Amino acid sequence: MATTLERVKNITAELLKIDPSIIQKDSRFVEDLGAESIQSIELVAAFDEEFDIEMDEDEALSVKSVGDAVTFIDRYLEG
């Protein structure tokens, strides 16, 4: 099974239409990967669906990088 990081990278690459190999754990969605605000919302929705979780709006706003998303998702899944 793919790791959380691999799954987040694949979702991000697909939504932003970029090569997954350029996505690093410290890549920021907006500044480094070029996500626009609407795409940030789409990313949160895609993470919710992929991992069967529900991020509330405040939590979603705190997720700025691939690593933030992985940390949040892993913490949610462990809880």
PDB file of N, CA and C in Angstrom:
ATOM      1  N   MET A   1       0.847  -1.191   0.000  1.00  0.00           N
ATOM      2  CA  MET A   1       0.000   0.000   0.000  1.00  0.00           C
ATOM      3  C   MET A   1       0.890   1.251   0.000  1.00  0.00           C
ATOM      4  N   ALA A   2       0.473   2.231  -0.733  1.00  0.00           N
ATOM      5  CA  ALA A   2       1.233   3.477  -0.839  1.00  0.00           C
ATOM      6  C   ALA A   2       1.227   4.210   0.501  1.00  0.00           C
ATOM      7  N   THR A   3       2.323   4.884   0.783  1.00  0.00           N
ATOM      8  CA  THR A   3       2.399   5.672   2.007  1.00  0.00           C
ATOM      9  C   THR A   3       1.523   6.911   1.873  1.00  0.00           C
ATOM     10  N   THR A   4       1.276   7.543   3.003  1.00  0.00           N
ATOM     11  CA  THR A   4       0.512   8.788   2.993  1.00  0.00           C
ATOM     12  C   THR A   4       1.198   9.808   2.089  1.00  0.00           C
ATOM     13  N   LEU A   5       2.522   9.912   2.201  1.00  0.00           N
ATOM     14  CA  LEU A   5       3.264  10.874   1.381  1.00  0.00           C
ATOM     15  C   LEU A   5       3.080  10.584  -0.108  1.00  0.00           C
ATOM     16  N   GLU A   6       3.195   9.323  -0.503  1.00  0.00           N
ATOM     17  CA  GLU A   6       3.028   8.978  -1.922  1.00  0.00           C
ATOM     18  C   GLU A   6       1.622   9.316  -2.406  1.00  0.00           C
ATOM     19  N   ARG A   7       0.637   9.028  -1.582  1.00  0.00           N
ATOM     20  CA  ARG A   7      -0.752   9.305  -1.963  1.00  0.00           C
ATOM     21  C   ARG A   7      -1.002  10.811  -2.080  1.00  0.00           C
ATOM     22  N   VAL A   8      -0.470  11.586  -1.131  1.00  0.00           N
ATOM     23  CA  VAL A   8      -0.624  13.045  -1.176  1.00  0.00           C
ATOM     24  C   VAL A   8       0.063  13.597  -2.425  1.00  0.00           C
ATOM     25  N   LYS A   9       1.266  13.107  -2.711  1.00  0.00           N
ATOM     26  CA  LYS A   9       1.992  13.565  -3.900  1.00  0.00           C
ATOM     27  C   LYS A   9       1.221  13.238  -5.180  1.00  0.00           C
ATOM     28  N   ASN A  10       0.655  12.040  -5.261  1.00  0.00           N
ATOM     29  CA  ASN A  10      -0.094  11.655  -6.459  1.00  0.00           C
ATOM     30  C   ASN A  10      -1.339  12.507  -6.653  1.00  0.00           C
ATOM     31  N   ILE A  11      -2.059  12.746  -5.584  1.00  0.00           N
ATOM     32  CA  ILE A  11      -3.260  13.591  -5.661  1.00  0.00           C
ATOM     33  C   ILE A  11      -2.865  15.003  -6.082  1.00  0.00           C
ATOM     34  N   THR A  12      -1.812  15.533  -5.468  1.00  0.00           N
ATOM     35  CA  THR A  12      -1.357  16.885  -5.779  1.00  0.00           C
ATOM     36  C   THR A  12      -0.940  16.991  -7.238  1.00  0.00           C
ATOM     37  N   ALA A  13      -0.172  16.030  -7.708  1.00  0.00           N
ATOM     38  CA  ALA A  13       0.293  16.041  -9.101  1.00  0.00           C
ATOM     39  C   ALA A  13      -0.883  15.990 -10.066  1.00  0.00           C
ATOM     40  N   GLU A  14      -1.850  15.150  -9.768  1.00  0.00           N
ATOM     41  CA  GLU A  14      -3.009  15.006 -10.648  1.00  0.00           C
ATOM     42  C   GLU A  14      -3.831  16.290 -10.702  1.00  0.00           C
ATOM     43  N   LEU A  15      -4.118  16.860  -9.543  1.00  0.00           N
ATOM     44  CA  LEU A  15      -4.944  18.067  -9.496  1.00  0.00           C
ATOM     45  C   LEU A  15      -4.253  19.287 -10.094  1.00  0.00           C
ATOM     46  N   LEU A  16      -2.951  19.404  -9.829  1.00  0.00           N
ATOM     47  CA  LEU A  16      -2.224  20.581 -10.311  1.00  0.00           C
ATOM     48  C   LEU A  16      -1.612  20.355 -11.685  1.00  0.00           C
ATOM     49  N   LYS A  17      -1.772  19.128 -12.189  1.00  0.00           N
ATOM     50  CA  LYS A  17      -1.241  18.769 -13.516  1.00  0.00           C
ATOM     51  C   LYS A  17       0.267  19.039 -13.607  1.00  0.00           C
ATOM     52  N   ILE A  18       0.974  18.486 -12.620  1.00  0.00           N
ATOM     53  CA  ILE A  18       2.428  18.617 -12.596  1.00  0.00           C
ATOM     54  C   ILE A  18       3.045  17.231 -12.417  1.00  0.00           C
ATOM     55  N   ASP A  19       4.322  17.141 -12.692  1.00  0.00           N
ATOM     56  CA  ASP A  19       5.069  15.885 -12.560  1.00  0.00           C
ATOM     57  C   ASP A  19       5.263  15.568 -11.079  1.00  0.00           C
ATOM     58  N   PRO A  20       4.838  14.380 -10.626  1.00  0.00           N
ATOM     59  CA  PRO A  20       4.978  14.054  -9.209  1.00  0.00           C
ATOM     60  C   PRO A  20       6.430  14.054  -8.731  1.00  0.00           C
ATOM     61  N   SER A  21       7.373  13.877  -9.631  1.00  0.00           N
ATOM     62  CA  SER A  21       8.773  13.818  -9.218  1.00  0.00           C
ATOM     63  C   SER A  21       9.297  15.165  -8.718  1.00  0.00           C
ATOM     64  N   ILE A  22       8.616  16.255  -9.043  1.00  0.00           N
ATOM     65  CA  ILE A  22       9.077  17.565  -8.559  1.00  0.00           C
ATOM     66  C   ILE A  22       8.498  17.908  -7.191  1.00  0.00           C
ATOM     67  N   ILE A  23       7.578  17.103  -6.709  1.00  0.00           N
ATOM     68  CA  ILE A  23       6.922  17.373  -5.431  1.00  0.00           C
ATOM     69  C   ILE A  23       7.751  16.758  -4.301  1.00  0.00           C
ATOM     70  N   GLN A  24       8.164  17.611  -3.376  1.00  0.00           N
ATOM     71  CA  GLN A  24       8.935  17.174  -2.214  1.00  0.00           C
ATOM     72  C   GLN A  24       8.085  17.353  -0.956  1.00  0.00           C
ATOM     73  N   LYS A  25       8.500  16.730   0.126  1.00  0.00           N
ATOM     74  CA  LYS A  25       7.735  16.840   1.364  1.00  0.00           C
ATOM     75  C   LYS A  25       7.627  18.282   1.840  1.00  0.00           C
ATOM     76  N   ASP A  26       8.678  19.081   1.580  1.00  0.00           N
ATOM     77  CA  ASP A  26       8.632  20.480   2.029  1.00  0.00           C
ATOM     78  C   ASP A  26       8.067  21.431   0.979  1.00  0.00           C
ATOM     79  N   SER A  27       7.563  20.898  -0.139  1.00  0.00           N
ATOM     80  CA  SER A  27       6.956  21.743  -1.175  1.00  0.00           C
ATOM     81  C   SER A  27       5.686  22.387  -0.641  1.00  0.00           C
ATOM     82  N   ARG A  28       5.587  23.712  -0.833  1.00  0.00           N
ATOM     83  CA  ARG A  28       4.379  24.435  -0.424  1.00  0.00           C
ATOM     84  C   ARG A  28       3.423  24.445  -1.617  1.00  0.00           C
ATOM     85  N   PHE A  29       2.164  24.214  -1.343  1.00  0.00           N
ATOM     86  CA  PHE A  29       1.179  24.091  -2.420  1.00  0.00           C
ATOM     87  C   PHE A  29       1.105  25.343  -3.283  1.00  0.00           C
ATOM     88  N   VAL A  30       1.022  26.505  -2.669  1.00  0.00           N
ATOM     89  CA  VAL A  30       0.853  27.746  -3.416  1.00  0.00           C
ATOM     90  C   VAL A  30       2.191  28.269  -3.929  1.00  0.00           C
ATOM     91  N   GLU A  31       3.128  28.491  -3.019  1.00  0.00           N
ATOM     92  CA  GLU A  31       4.388  29.139  -3.381  1.00  0.00           C
ATOM     93  C   GLU A  31       5.271  28.292  -4.291  1.00  0.00           C
ATOM     94  N   ASP A  32       5.358  26.986  -4.021  1.00  0.00           N
ATOM     95  CA  ASP A  32       6.284  26.142  -4.768  1.00  0.00           C
ATOM     96  C   ASP A  32       5.629  25.384  -5.924  1.00  0.00           C
ATOM     97  N   LEU A  33       4.365  25.009  -5.745  1.00  0.00           N
ATOM     98  CA  LEU A  33       3.709  24.160  -6.744  1.00  0.00           C
ATOM     99  C   LEU A  33       2.688  24.908  -7.594  1.00  0.00           C
ATOM    100  N   GLY A  34       2.472  26.183  -7.275  1.00  0.00           N
ATOM    101  CA  GLY A  34       1.620  27.019  -8.110  1.00  0.00           C
ATOM    102  C   GLY A  34       0.123  26.822  -7.962  1.00  0.00           C
ATOM    103  N   ALA A  35      -0.298  26.249  -6.841  1.00  0.00           N
ATOM    104  CA  ALA A  35      -1.738  26.052  -6.627  1.00  0.00           C
ATOM    105  C   ALA A  35      -2.420  27.405  -6.455  1.00  0.00           C
ATOM    106  N   GLU A  36      -3.574  27.553  -7.081  1.00  0.00           N
ATOM    107  CA  GLU A  36      -4.396  28.741  -6.875  1.00  0.00           C
ATOM    108  C   GLU A  36      -5.359  28.441  -5.737  1.00  0.00           C
ATOM    109  N   SER A  37      -6.006  29.470  -5.216  1.00  0.00           N
ATOM    110  CA  SER A  37      -6.845  29.270  -4.035  1.00  0.00           C
ATOM    111  C   SER A  37      -7.928  28.222  -4.258  1.00  0.00           C
ATOM    112  N   ILE A  38      -8.542  28.215  -5.421  1.00  0.00           N
ATOM    113  CA  ILE A  38      -9.588  27.214  -5.691  1.00  0.00           C
ATOM    114  C   ILE A  38      -8.993  25.814  -5.720  1.00  0.00           C
ATOM    115  N   GLN A  39      -7.765  25.695  -6.205  1.00  0.00           N
ATOM    116  CA  GLN A  39      -7.114  24.385  -6.232  1.00  0.00           C
ATOM    117  C   GLN A  39      -6.763  23.912  -4.825  1.00  0.00           C
ATOM    118  N   SER A  40      -6.475  24.844  -3.939  1.00  0.00           N
ATOM    119  CA  SER A  40      -6.206  24.467  -2.550  1.00  0.00           C
ATOM    120  C   SER A  40      -7.447  23.830  -1.937  1.00  0.00           C
ATOM    121  N   ILE A  41      -8.598  24.379  -2.238  1.00  0.00           N
ATOM    122  CA  ILE A  41      -9.863  23.817  -1.750  1.00  0.00           C
ATOM    123  C   ILE A  41     -10.090  22.443  -2.363  1.00  0.00           C
ATOM    124  N   GLU A  42      -9.801  22.315  -3.660  1.00  0.00           N
ATOM    125  CA  GLU A  42      -9.950  21.026  -4.334  1.00  0.00           C
ATOM    126  C   GLU A  42      -8.997  19.986  -3.752  1.00  0.00           C
ATOM    127  N   LEU A  43      -7.792  20.411  -3.396  1.00  0.00           N
ATOM    128  CA  LEU A  43      -6.834  19.489  -2.784  1.00  0.00           C
ATOM    129  C   LEU A  43      -7.368  18.961  -1.456  1.00  0.00           C
ATOM    130  N   VAL A  44      -7.883  19.842  -0.625  1.00  0.00           N
ATOM    131  CA  VAL A  44      -8.442  19.419   0.664  1.00  0.00           C
ATOM    132  C   VAL A  44      -9.573  18.424   0.438  1.00  0.00           C
ATOM    133  N   ALA A  45     -10.440  18.712  -0.516  1.00  0.00           N
ATOM    134  CA  ALA A  45     -11.551  17.801  -0.816  1.00  0.00           C
ATOM    135  C   ALA A  45     -11.023  16.446  -1.294  1.00  0.00           C
ATOM    136  N   ALA A  46      -9.985  16.468  -2.120  1.00  0.00           N
ATOM    137  CA  ALA A  46      -9.406  15.220  -2.629  1.00  0.00           C
ATOM    138  C   ALA A  46      -8.755  14.419  -1.500  1.00  0.00           C
ATOM    139  N   PHE A  47      -8.075  15.110  -0.571  1.00  0.00           N
ATOM    140  CA  PHE A  47      -7.477  14.416   0.573  1.00  0.00           C
ATOM    141  C   PHE A  47      -8.574  13.813   1.446  1.00  0.00           C
ATOM    142  N   ASP A  48      -9.645  14.568   1.664  1.00  0.00           N
ATOM    143  CA  ASP A  48     -10.778  14.059   2.444  1.00  0.00           C
ATOM    144  C   ASP A  48     -11.295  12.759   1.831  1.00  0.00           C
ATOM    145  N   GLU A  49     -11.473  12.776   0.523  1.00  0.00           N
ATOM    146  CA  GLU A  49     -12.030  11.614  -0.169  1.00  0.00           C
ATOM    147  C   GLU A  49     -11.050  10.436  -0.165  1.00  0.00           C
ATOM    148  N   GLU A  50      -9.800  10.700  -0.494  1.00  0.00           N
ATOM    149  CA  GLU A  50      -8.786   9.635  -0.577  1.00  0.00           C
ATOM    150  C   GLU A  50      -8.596   8.914   0.752  1.00  0.00           C
ATOM    151  N   PHE A  51      -8.582   9.680   1.845  1.00  0.00           N
ATOM    152  CA  PHE A  51      -8.282   9.105   3.150  1.00  0.00           C
ATOM    153  C   PHE A  51      -9.523   8.903   4.014  1.00  0.00           C
ATOM    154  N   ASP A  52     -10.689   9.197   3.473  1.00  0.00           N
ATOM    155  CA  ASP A  52     -11.959   9.051   4.182  1.00  0.00           C
ATOM    156  C   ASP A  52     -11.927   9.793   5.518  1.00  0.00           C
ATOM    157  N   ILE A  53     -11.549  11.075   5.428  1.00  0.00           N
ATOM    158  CA  ILE A  53     -11.507  11.946   6.604  1.00  0.00           C
ATOM    159  C   ILE A  53     -12.297  13.208   6.288  1.00  0.00           C
ATOM    160  N   GLU A  54     -12.444  14.056   7.286  1.00  0.00           N
ATOM    161  CA  GLU A  54     -13.094  15.337   7.056  1.00  0.00           C
ATOM    162  C   GLU A  54     -12.331  16.423   7.792  1.00  0.00           C
ATOM    163  N   MET A  55     -11.597  17.224   7.017  1.00  0.00           N
ATOM    164  CA  MET A  55     -10.840  18.330   7.596  1.00  0.00           C
ATOM    165  C   MET A  55     -11.779  19.514   7.753  1.00  0.00           C
ATOM    166  N   ASP A  56     -11.786  20.125   8.946  1.00  0.00           N
ATOM    167  CA  ASP A  56     -12.616  21.312   9.041  1.00  0.00           C
ATOM    168  C   ASP A  56     -11.872  22.489   8.414  1.00  0.00           C
ATOM    169  N   GLU A  57     -12.583  23.572   8.192  1.00  0.00           N
ATOM    170  CA  GLU A  57     -12.041  24.698   7.431  1.00  0.00           C
ATOM    171  C   GLU A  57     -10.780  25.286   8.063  1.00  0.00           C
ATOM    172  N   ASP A  58     -10.784  25.433   9.388  1.00  0.00           N
ATOM    173  CA  ASP A  58      -9.611  25.992  10.069  1.00  0.00           C
ATOM    174  C   ASP A  58      -8.396  25.092   9.915  1.00  0.00           C
ATOM    175  N   GLU A  59      -8.616  23.789  10.064  1.00  0.00           N
ATOM    176  CA  GLU A  59      -7.518  22.839   9.887  1.00  0.00           C
ATOM    177  C   GLU A  59      -6.993  22.886   8.468  1.00  0.00           C
ATOM    178  N   ALA A  60      -7.901  22.940   7.518  1.00  0.00           N
ATOM    179  CA  ALA A  60      -7.508  22.968   6.114  1.00  0.00           C
ATOM    180  C   ALA A  60      -6.656  24.189   5.798  1.00  0.00           C
ATOM    181  N   LEU A  61      -6.980  25.314   6.399  1.00  0.00           N
ATOM    182  CA  LEU A  61      -6.215  26.536   6.157  1.00  0.00           C
ATOM    183  C   LEU A  61      -4.800  26.454   6.705  1.00  0.00           C
ATOM    184  N   SER A  62      -4.577  25.605   7.699  1.00  0.00           N
ATOM    185  CA  SER A  62      -3.246  25.478   8.285  1.00  0.00           C
ATOM    186  C   SER A  62      -2.330  24.557   7.472  1.00  0.00           C
ATOM    187  N   VAL A  63      -2.886  23.839   6.528  1.00  0.00           N
ATOM    188  CA  VAL A  63      -2.101  22.924   5.698  1.00  0.00           C
ATOM    189  C   VAL A  63      -1.545  23.703   4.509  1.00  0.00           C
ATOM    190  N   LYS A  64      -0.261  24.023   4.600  1.00  0.00           N
ATOM    191  CA  LYS A  64       0.370  24.861   3.570  1.00  0.00           C
ATOM    192  C   LYS A  64       1.340  24.089   2.679  1.00  0.00           C
ATOM    193  N   SER A  65       1.788  22.930   3.160  1.00  0.00           N
ATOM    194  CA  SER A  65       2.784  22.169   2.402  1.00  0.00           C
ATOM    195  C   SER A  65       2.389  20.697   2.343  1.00  0.00           C
ATOM    196  N   VAL A  66       3.096  19.974   1.500  1.00  0.00           N
ATOM    197  CA  VAL A  66       2.873  18.531   1.380  1.00  0.00           C
ATOM    198  C   VAL A  66       3.110  17.871   2.744  1.00  0.00           C
ATOM    199  N   GLY A  67       4.183  18.271   3.421  1.00  0.00           N
ATOM    200  CA  GLY A  67       4.477  17.715   4.743  1.00  0.00           C
ATOM    201  C   GLY A  67       3.395  18.013   5.761  1.00  0.00           C
ATOM    202  N   ASP A  68       2.836  19.229   5.712  1.00  0.00           N
ATOM    203  CA  ASP A  68       1.720  19.579   6.607  1.00  0.00           C
ATOM    204  C   ASP A  68       0.540  18.635   6.380  1.00  0.00           C
ATOM    205  N   ALA A  69       0.244  18.377   5.116  1.00  0.00           N
ATOM    206  CA  ALA A  69      -0.885  17.505   4.778  1.00  0.00           C
ATOM    207  C   ALA A  69      -0.632  16.090   5.304  1.00  0.00           C
ATOM    208  N   VAL A  70       0.571  15.580   5.088  1.00  0.00           N
ATOM    209  CA  VAL A  70       0.917  14.234   5.550  1.00  0.00           C
ATOM    210  C   VAL A  70       0.807  14.148   7.068  1.00  0.00           C
ATOM    211  N   THR A  71       1.366  15.128   7.769  1.00  0.00           N
ATOM    212  CA  THR A  71       1.321  15.143   9.239  1.00  0.00           C
ATOM    213  C   THR A  71      -0.117  15.174   9.725  1.00  0.00           C
ATOM    214  N   PHE A  72      -0.929  16.052   9.147  1.00  0.00           N
ATOM    215  CA  PHE A  72      -2.328  16.159   9.563  1.00  0.00           C
ATOM    216  C   PHE A  72      -3.075  14.855   9.320  1.00  0.00           C
ATOM    217  N   ILE A  73      -2.930  14.303   8.120  1.00  0.00           N
ATOM    218  CA  ILE A  73      -3.654  13.087   7.750  1.00  0.00           C
ATOM    219  C   ILE A  73      -3.232  11.923   8.652  1.00  0.00           C
ATOM    220  N   ASP A  74      -1.925  11.745   8.853  1.00  0.00           N
ATOM    221  CA  ASP A  74      -1.457  10.662   9.711  1.00  0.00           C
ATOM    222  C   ASP A  74      -1.971  10.804  11.139  1.00  0.00           C
ATOM    223  N   ARG A  75      -1.953  12.026  11.659  1.00  0.00           N
ATOM    224  CA  ARG A  75      -2.460  12.269  13.025  1.00  0.00           C
ATOM    225  C   ARG A  75      -3.955  11.954  13.092  1.00  0.00           C
ATOM    226  N   TYR A  76      -4.683  12.351  12.076  1.00  0.00           N
ATOM    227  CA  TYR A  76      -6.127  12.103  12.041  1.00  0.00           C
ATOM    228  C   TYR A  76      -6.408  10.602  11.998  1.00  0.00           C
ATOM    229  N   LEU A  77      -5.666   9.885  11.157  1.00  0.00           N
ATOM    230  CA  LEU A  77      -5.893   8.452  10.995  1.00  0.00           C
ATOM    231  C   LEU A  77      -5.497   7.666  12.242  1.00  0.00           C
ATOM    232  N   GLU A  78      -4.514   8.148  12.988  1.00  0.00           N
ATOM    233  CA  GLU A  78      -4.095   7.476  14.207  1.00  0.00           C
ATOM    234  C   GLU A  78      -5.072   7.710  15.350  1.00  0.00           C
ATOM    235  N   GLY A  79      -5.754   8.863  15.305  1.00  0.00           N
ATOM    236  CA  GLY A  79      -6.668   9.241  16.387  1.00  0.00           C
ATOM    237  C   GLY A  79      -7.931   8.523  16.290  1.00  0.00           C
TER     238      GLY A  79
END
